[in-house]
Protein backbone atom coordinates (compact mmCIF):
# COMPACT_ATOMS: atom_id res chain seq x y z
CA MET A 1 14.37 -49.64 -35.28
CA LEU A 2 10.89 -48.07 -35.48
CA ARG A 3 10.71 -47.84 -31.69
CA ARG A 4 13.99 -45.88 -31.54
CA PHE A 5 12.72 -43.53 -34.23
CA VAL A 6 9.48 -42.86 -32.32
CA VAL A 7 11.38 -42.24 -29.07
CA LEU A 8 13.81 -39.91 -30.85
CA VAL A 9 11.02 -37.91 -32.53
CA GLY A 10 9.12 -37.69 -29.23
CA THR A 11 12.21 -36.45 -27.41
CA VAL A 12 12.87 -33.81 -30.07
CA ILE A 13 9.26 -32.57 -29.89
CA VAL A 14 9.31 -32.33 -26.09
CA ALA A 15 12.67 -30.50 -26.16
CA ALA A 16 11.38 -28.05 -28.78
CA VAL A 17 8.26 -27.28 -26.73
CA LEU A 18 10.26 -26.75 -23.54
CA LEU A 19 12.76 -24.44 -25.22
CA MET A 20 10.14 -22.36 -27.04
CA PRO A 21 9.43 -19.06 -25.25
CA SER A 22 5.91 -18.59 -24.01
CA THR A 23 3.91 -15.76 -25.59
CA ALA A 24 2.01 -15.15 -22.37
CA VAL A 25 5.01 -14.08 -20.32
CA GLY A 26 4.49 -11.00 -18.20
CA LYS A 27 4.70 -9.72 -14.67
CA SER A 28 1.93 -10.95 -12.46
CA VAL A 29 -0.10 -8.34 -10.70
CA GLY A 30 -1.25 -9.32 -7.25
CA GLY A 31 -4.35 -8.00 -5.64
CA CYS A 32 -5.44 -5.92 -2.70
CA PRO A 33 -6.84 -7.21 0.59
CA ASP A 34 -10.53 -8.03 0.40
CA SER A 35 -12.37 -6.78 3.44
CA ALA A 36 -15.70 -5.10 4.05
CA SER A 37 -14.12 -2.57 6.42
CA ALA A 38 -11.04 -1.81 4.31
CA LYS A 39 -11.78 -0.37 0.88
CA TRP A 40 -8.43 -1.01 -0.83
CA GLU A 41 -8.04 0.14 -4.44
CA LEU A 42 -5.46 -1.17 -6.94
CA VAL A 43 -3.66 1.73 -8.66
CA THR A 44 -0.40 2.31 -10.50
CA VAL A 45 2.43 3.88 -8.54
CA GLU A 46 2.81 6.39 -11.37
CA SER A 47 -0.80 7.56 -10.89
CA LEU A 48 0.13 8.65 -7.35
CA GLY A 49 2.73 11.05 -8.74
CA ILE A 50 5.62 9.13 -7.18
CA PRO A 51 8.65 8.77 -9.49
CA PRO A 52 9.65 5.12 -10.14
CA GLU A 53 13.15 5.72 -8.75
CA SER A 54 11.62 6.81 -5.42
CA ALA A 55 9.21 3.86 -5.33
CA THR A 56 11.99 1.28 -5.51
CA GLY A 57 13.24 2.19 -2.05
CA LEU A 58 9.87 1.68 -0.37
CA ALA A 59 9.04 -2.02 -0.07
CA SER A 60 5.55 -1.32 1.23
CA LEU A 61 4.82 0.83 -1.83
CA ASP A 62 6.08 -1.39 -4.66
CA GLY A 63 8.12 -4.19 -3.15
CA ASN A 64 7.43 -6.64 -5.99
CA GLY A 65 8.43 -4.07 -8.63
CA ASP A 66 5.36 -4.47 -10.84
CA GLY A 67 4.40 -0.78 -10.79
CA TRP A 68 1.11 -1.38 -8.92
CA THR A 69 0.12 -0.74 -5.30
CA CYS A 70 -2.99 -0.72 -3.12
CA ILE A 71 -4.32 2.44 -1.50
CA LYS A 72 -7.00 3.03 1.10
CA PRO A 73 -8.45 6.54 1.44
CA MET A 74 -8.03 8.15 4.86
CA PRO A 75 -10.58 10.99 5.02
CA ALA A 76 -9.42 11.95 8.53
CA PHE A 77 -6.20 13.25 6.96
CA GLY A 78 -8.04 15.50 4.54
CA PRO A 79 -8.71 15.22 0.82
CA GLY A 80 -6.13 13.12 -0.95
CA GLY A 81 -4.97 11.38 2.23
CA PHE A 82 -4.37 7.65 1.86
CA VAL A 83 -2.46 4.68 3.19
CA PHE A 84 -0.62 2.41 0.78
CA ARG A 85 0.65 -1.17 0.76
CA ASP A 86 2.06 -3.35 -2.00
CA ASN A 87 -0.31 -5.54 -3.98
CA THR A 88 0.93 -8.89 -2.70
CA VAL A 89 -2.41 -10.54 -1.92
């Protein structure tokens, strides 16, 4: 009788913990490639002046949909020139 009670209570506790929503739920933000020759910088897509509705169609810009992307300045293309890729590293 006591054994059944302990098993029942244990099962209820485990079920309650598994059904409880986590407070640390959020979108994960990947990183940029780490290389001495490539100076990638993690920035928000919004900071580039690109509307979110335009960003959704470009997988290399924000393919994972987290609102972040990596940019690498390209001085050869003048001030403000950069290459972008999604932060999937």
